[in-house]
N, C-alpha and C. Protein backbone atom coordinates (compact mmCIF):
# COMPACT_ATOMS: atom_id res chain seq x y z
N UNK A 1 18.59 -3.61 6.48
CA UNK A 1 18.55 -2.49 5.84
C UNK A 1 17.15 -1.56 6.39
N UNK A 2 17.51 -0.50 6.73
CA UNK A 2 16.32 0.34 7.37
C UNK A 2 15.91 1.42 6.13
N UNK A 3 14.72 1.64 5.83
CA UNK A 3 14.39 2.81 4.67
C UNK A 3 13.41 3.30 5.36
N UNK A 4 13.64 4.86 5.42
CA UNK A 4 12.77 5.79 5.81
C UNK A 4 12.14 6.50 4.36
N UNK A 5 10.83 6.65 4.15
CA UNK A 5 10.65 7.38 3.05
C UNK A 5 9.50 8.35 3.40
N UNK A 6 9.64 9.49 2.60
CA UNK A 6 8.46 10.77 2.56
C UNK A 6 8.36 11.22 1.09
N UNK A 7 7.49 10.86 0.36
CA UNK A 7 7.53 11.15 -0.86
C UNK A 7 6.24 12.05 -1.34
N UNK A 8 6.04 13.00 -1.75
CA UNK A 8 5.02 13.61 -2.14
C UNK A 8 5.20 14.17 -3.65
N UNK A 9 4.17 13.94 -4.51
CA UNK A 9 4.35 14.52 -5.69
C UNK A 9 2.88 14.79 -6.12
N UNK A 10 2.80 15.77 -7.32
CA UNK A 10 1.50 16.17 -7.91
C UNK A 10 1.65 16.14 -9.36
N UNK A 11 0.61 16.10 -10.02
CA UNK A 11 0.51 16.07 -11.55
C UNK A 11 1.45 15.13 -12.10
N UNK A 12 1.39 13.76 -11.85
CA UNK A 12 2.20 12.90 -12.56
C UNK A 12 1.63 12.09 -13.65
N UNK A 13 2.37 12.14 -14.76
CA UNK A 13 1.79 11.38 -15.87
C UNK A 13 2.79 10.51 -16.60
N UNK A 14 2.16 9.54 -17.23
CA UNK A 14 2.78 8.78 -18.26
C UNK A 14 1.94 8.49 -19.22
N UNK A 15 2.34 8.93 -20.57
CA UNK A 15 1.31 8.50 -21.59
C UNK A 15 0.07 9.13 -21.49
N UNK A 16 -1.12 8.21 -21.45
CA UNK A 16 -2.64 8.78 -21.20
C UNK A 16 -2.87 8.54 -19.67
N UNK A 17 -2.00 8.16 -18.80
CA UNK A 17 -2.24 8.14 -17.46
C UNK A 17 -1.88 9.15 -16.55
N UNK A 18 -2.49 9.48 -15.50
CA UNK A 18 -2.33 10.74 -14.80
C UNK A 18 -2.89 10.42 -13.35
N UNK A 19 -1.95 11.02 -12.39
CA UNK A 19 -2.23 10.89 -10.90
C UNK A 19 -2.12 12.48 -10.48
N UNK A 20 -3.26 12.87 -10.07
CA UNK A 20 -3.19 14.45 -9.67
C UNK A 20 -2.19 14.69 -8.27
N UNK A 21 -2.49 13.85 -7.16
CA UNK A 21 -1.68 13.85 -6.18
C UNK A 21 -1.26 12.47 -5.54
N UNK A 22 -0.02 12.36 -5.12
CA UNK A 22 0.32 11.05 -4.67
C UNK A 22 1.47 11.29 -3.20
N UNK A 23 1.16 10.47 -2.47
CA UNK A 23 2.20 10.51 -1.22
C UNK A 23 2.53 9.07 -0.63
N UNK A 24 3.70 8.98 -0.26
CA UNK A 24 3.91 7.62 0.20
C UNK A 24 4.96 8.11 1.56
N UNK A 25 4.44 7.61 2.76
CA UNK A 25 5.44 7.77 3.94
C UNK A 25 5.42 6.48 4.87
N UNK A 26 6.42 6.56 5.64
CA UNK A 26 6.74 5.42 6.28
C UNK A 26 8.02 4.95 6.43
N UNK A 27 8.11 3.68 7.14
CA UNK A 27 9.34 2.94 7.29
C UNK A 27 9.28 1.53 6.72
N UNK A 28 10.46 1.05 6.47
CA UNK A 28 10.48 -0.47 5.92
C UNK A 28 11.82 -1.16 6.56
N UNK A 29 11.76 -2.35 7.05
CA UNK A 29 13.14 -3.00 7.34
C UNK A 29 13.08 -4.14 6.20
N UNK A 30 14.45 -4.01 5.43
CA UNK A 30 14.48 -5.08 4.44
C UNK A 30 15.40 -6.19 5.04
N UNK A 31 14.65 -7.27 5.15
CA UNK A 31 15.49 -8.57 5.55
C UNK A 31 14.93 -9.83 5.02
N UNK A 32 15.17 -11.00 5.85
CA UNK A 32 14.77 -12.18 5.57
C UNK A 32 13.11 -12.16 5.66
N UNK A 33 12.88 -11.41 6.74
CA UNK A 33 11.37 -11.22 7.02
C UNK A 33 11.13 -9.55 6.78
N UNK A 34 10.87 -9.03 5.85
CA UNK A 34 10.61 -7.53 5.78
C UNK A 34 9.59 -7.01 6.85
N UNK A 35 9.49 -6.04 7.25
CA UNK A 35 8.73 -5.19 8.13
C UNK A 35 8.31 -3.75 7.57
N UNK A 36 7.13 -3.51 7.14
CA UNK A 36 6.60 -2.26 6.58
C UNK A 36 5.56 -1.68 7.72
N UNK A 37 5.72 -0.40 7.61
CA UNK A 37 4.91 0.46 8.22
C UNK A 37 4.93 1.77 7.19
N UNK A 38 3.73 1.75 6.34
CA UNK A 38 3.69 2.49 5.38
C UNK A 38 2.37 3.05 4.96
N UNK A 39 2.30 4.13 4.56
CA UNK A 39 0.91 5.02 4.12
C UNK A 39 1.03 5.35 2.81
N UNK A 40 0.25 4.89 1.95
CA UNK A 40 0.27 5.43 0.56
C UNK A 40 -1.20 5.96 0.05
N UNK A 41 -1.16 7.26 -0.42
CA UNK A 41 -2.25 7.88 -0.83
C UNK A 41 -2.10 8.50 -2.18
N UNK A 42 -3.24 8.33 -3.18
CA UNK A 42 -3.21 8.85 -4.58
C UNK A 42 -4.52 9.36 -4.68
N UNK A 43 -4.67 10.34 -5.21
CA UNK A 43 -5.98 11.12 -5.59
C UNK A 43 -6.12 11.25 -7.38
N UNK A 44 -7.61 11.35 -7.46
CA UNK A 44 -7.70 11.71 -8.98
C UNK A 44 -6.79 10.92 -10.13
N UNK A 45 -6.97 9.54 -10.10
CA UNK A 45 -6.11 8.76 -10.85
C UNK A 45 -6.96 8.42 -12.26
N UNK A 46 -6.21 8.79 -13.33
CA UNK A 46 -6.62 8.69 -14.65
C UNK A 46 -5.92 7.54 -15.24
N UNK A 47 -6.59 6.46 -15.51
CA UNK A 47 -6.15 5.29 -16.37
C UNK A 47 -6.86 4.45 -17.06
N UNK A 48 -6.52 4.44 -18.42
CA UNK A 48 -7.38 3.79 -19.34
C UNK A 48 -8.68 4.26 -19.73
N UNK A 49 -8.76 5.63 -19.58
CA UNK A 49 -10.07 6.54 -19.83
C UNK A 49 -11.07 6.41 -18.26
N UNK A 50 -10.43 5.67 -17.39
CA UNK A 50 -11.41 5.78 -16.19
C UNK A 50 -10.71 6.37 -15.12
N UNK A 51 -11.63 6.94 -14.30
CA UNK A 51 -11.16 8.01 -13.19
C UNK A 51 -11.36 7.38 -11.85
N UNK A 52 -10.36 7.17 -11.15
CA UNK A 52 -10.21 6.60 -9.70
C UNK A 52 -10.19 7.90 -8.67
N UNK A 53 -11.35 8.13 -8.07
CA UNK A 53 -11.22 9.27 -7.14
C UNK A 53 -10.02 9.34 -6.11
N UNK A 54 -9.95 8.15 -5.56
CA UNK A 54 -9.04 7.76 -4.49
C UNK A 54 -8.59 6.56 -4.28
N UNK A 55 -7.22 6.24 -4.03
CA UNK A 55 -6.60 5.15 -3.35
C UNK A 55 -6.01 5.40 -2.30
N UNK A 56 -6.22 4.52 -0.92
CA UNK A 56 -5.49 4.74 0.25
C UNK A 56 -5.11 3.32 0.69
N UNK A 57 -3.86 3.08 0.86
CA UNK A 57 -3.26 1.92 1.53
C UNK A 57 -2.58 2.17 2.63
N UNK A 58 -2.72 1.30 3.78
CA UNK A 58 -2.04 1.44 4.88
C UNK A 58 -1.62 0.05 5.30
N UNK A 59 -0.03 -0.22 5.36
CA UNK A 59 0.52 -1.51 5.92
C UNK A 59 1.18 -1.34 7.19
N UNK A 60 0.70 -2.10 8.25
CA UNK A 60 1.43 -1.91 9.37
C UNK A 60 1.67 -3.31 9.89
N UNK A 61 2.85 -3.27 10.64
CA UNK A 61 3.02 -4.70 11.35
C UNK A 61 2.28 -4.81 12.67
N UNK A 62 1.65 -6.15 12.82
CA UNK A 62 0.77 -6.39 13.95
C UNK A 62 1.48 -7.24 15.22
N UNK A 63 2.54 -8.01 14.61
CA UNK A 63 3.20 -8.95 15.37
C UNK A 63 4.44 -9.10 14.72
N UNK A 64 5.64 -9.08 15.46
CA UNK A 64 7.12 -9.53 14.99
C UNK A 64 7.77 -10.31 15.90
N UNK A 65 8.22 -11.32 15.27
CA UNK A 65 9.15 -12.50 16.13
C UNK A 65 10.28 -12.70 15.23
N UNK A 66 11.09 -13.43 15.54
CA UNK A 66 12.29 -13.92 14.93
C UNK A 66 11.81 -14.93 13.84
N UNK A 67 10.70 -15.52 13.97
CA UNK A 67 10.34 -16.64 13.05
C UNK A 67 9.20 -16.12 12.12
N UNK A 68 8.44 -14.93 12.51
CA UNK A 68 7.27 -14.73 11.74
C UNK A 68 7.07 -13.08 11.90
N UNK A 69 6.58 -12.44 10.73
CA UNK A 69 5.97 -11.11 10.91
C UNK A 69 4.74 -11.33 10.31
N UNK A 70 3.75 -10.47 10.95
CA UNK A 70 2.27 -10.25 10.54
C UNK A 70 2.02 -8.80 10.42
N UNK A 71 1.64 -8.70 9.16
CA UNK A 71 1.09 -7.39 8.72
C UNK A 71 -0.52 -7.21 8.56
N UNK A 72 -0.94 -6.09 8.77
CA UNK A 72 -2.38 -5.65 8.33
C UNK A 72 -2.28 -4.63 7.51
N UNK A 73 -3.17 -4.98 6.28
CA UNK A 73 -2.95 -4.07 5.00
C UNK A 73 -4.43 -3.74 4.81
N UNK A 74 -4.80 -2.46 4.79
CA UNK A 74 -6.02 -1.82 4.40
C UNK A 74 -5.99 -0.99 3.21
N UNK A 75 -6.79 -1.30 2.34
CA UNK A 75 -6.84 -0.83 0.96
C UNK A 75 -8.28 -0.18 0.65
N UNK A 76 -8.42 1.05 0.46
CA UNK A 76 -9.71 1.67 0.07
C UNK A 76 -9.62 2.27 -1.32
N UNK A 77 -10.47 2.00 -1.96
CA UNK A 77 -10.67 2.57 -3.42
C UNK A 77 -11.97 3.13 -3.67
N UNK A 78 -12.05 4.41 -4.23
CA UNK A 78 -13.31 4.96 -4.58
C UNK A 78 -13.35 5.53 -6.28
N UNK A 79 -14.16 4.90 -6.67
CA UNK A 79 -14.36 5.19 -8.13
C UNK A 79 -16.17 5.61 -8.37
N UNK A 80 -16.18 6.09 -9.44
CA UNK A 80 -17.51 6.46 -9.64
C UNK A 80 -18.55 5.38 -9.48
N UNK A 81 -18.38 4.44 -10.07
CA UNK A 81 -19.05 3.21 -10.23
C UNK A 81 -18.80 2.07 -9.01
N UNK A 82 -17.80 2.22 -8.19
CA UNK A 82 -17.63 1.12 -7.35
C UNK A 82 -16.61 1.90 -6.08
N UNK A 83 -16.93 1.38 -4.99
CA UNK A 83 -16.01 1.58 -3.87
C UNK A 83 -15.83 0.46 -3.33
N UNK A 84 -14.57 0.29 -2.57
CA UNK A 84 -14.27 -0.93 -1.63
C UNK A 84 -13.29 -0.56 -0.78
N UNK A 85 -13.32 -1.15 0.42
CA UNK A 85 -12.45 -1.34 1.67
C UNK A 85 -11.84 -2.82 1.91
N UNK A 86 -10.77 -2.96 1.39
CA UNK A 86 -10.16 -4.38 1.49
C UNK A 86 -9.12 -4.52 2.54
N UNK A 87 -9.32 -5.58 3.51
CA UNK A 87 -8.52 -5.85 4.46
C UNK A 87 -7.68 -7.03 4.24
N UNK A 88 -6.49 -6.80 4.39
CA UNK A 88 -5.80 -8.32 4.20
C UNK A 88 -4.86 -8.42 5.38
N UNK A 89 -4.75 -9.68 5.87
CA UNK A 89 -3.96 -10.02 6.97
C UNK A 89 -3.02 -10.99 6.39
N UNK A 90 -1.49 -10.52 6.50
CA UNK A 90 -0.25 -11.15 5.95
C UNK A 90 0.55 -11.73 7.07
N UNK A 91 0.69 -13.19 6.87
CA UNK A 91 1.72 -13.63 7.71
C UNK A 91 2.95 -14.20 6.99
N UNK A 92 4.01 -13.68 7.34
CA UNK A 92 5.39 -14.07 6.46
C UNK A 92 6.21 -14.98 7.56
N UNK A 93 6.67 -15.94 6.99
CA UNK A 93 7.74 -16.88 7.69
C UNK A 93 8.93 -16.92 6.61
N UNK A 94 10.03 -17.49 6.86
CA UNK A 94 11.15 -17.49 6.14
C UNK A 94 10.89 -18.15 4.84
N UNK A 95 10.18 -19.09 4.52
CA UNK A 95 9.98 -19.76 3.26
C UNK A 95 8.42 -19.88 2.91
N UNK A 96 7.45 -19.01 3.74
CA UNK A 96 6.05 -19.42 3.57
C UNK A 96 5.51 -17.97 3.91
N UNK A 97 4.56 -17.74 3.02
CA UNK A 97 3.55 -16.50 3.03
C UNK A 97 2.13 -17.10 3.19
N UNK A 98 1.22 -16.52 4.03
CA UNK A 98 -0.03 -16.71 4.09
C UNK A 98 -0.92 -15.63 4.10
N UNK A 99 -1.88 -15.35 3.27
CA UNK A 99 -2.71 -14.13 3.18
C UNK A 99 -4.21 -14.51 3.26
N UNK A 100 -4.82 -13.78 4.27
CA UNK A 100 -6.28 -13.82 4.62
C UNK A 100 -6.81 -12.59 4.31
N UNK A 101 -8.00 -12.70 3.61
CA UNK A 101 -8.76 -11.55 3.15
C UNK A 101 -9.90 -11.53 3.75
N UNK A 102 -10.34 -10.22 4.04
CA UNK A 102 -11.70 -9.94 4.81
C UNK A 102 -12.29 -8.86 3.91
């Protein structure tokens, strides 16, 4: 199954939680070995009385074969007290997943 998405939203809220801007764009293939090529972006997130300025996540396939799919995942988070750029390398096989964190 092929899924293509392009979602944009602003001023989302639930109880005391809020996201000023949100977007999700990309493609995904749902199968025994899923393949994702997605970009997520969120700005001015208020959760539990904490303000997160931005969260960006990019998921992209780096190698695809019949037995294995490799993805690179890059997550950027900016908060008033802390910022991080986290890279994950995900290898998927039929019954096995391996994650390397950089």
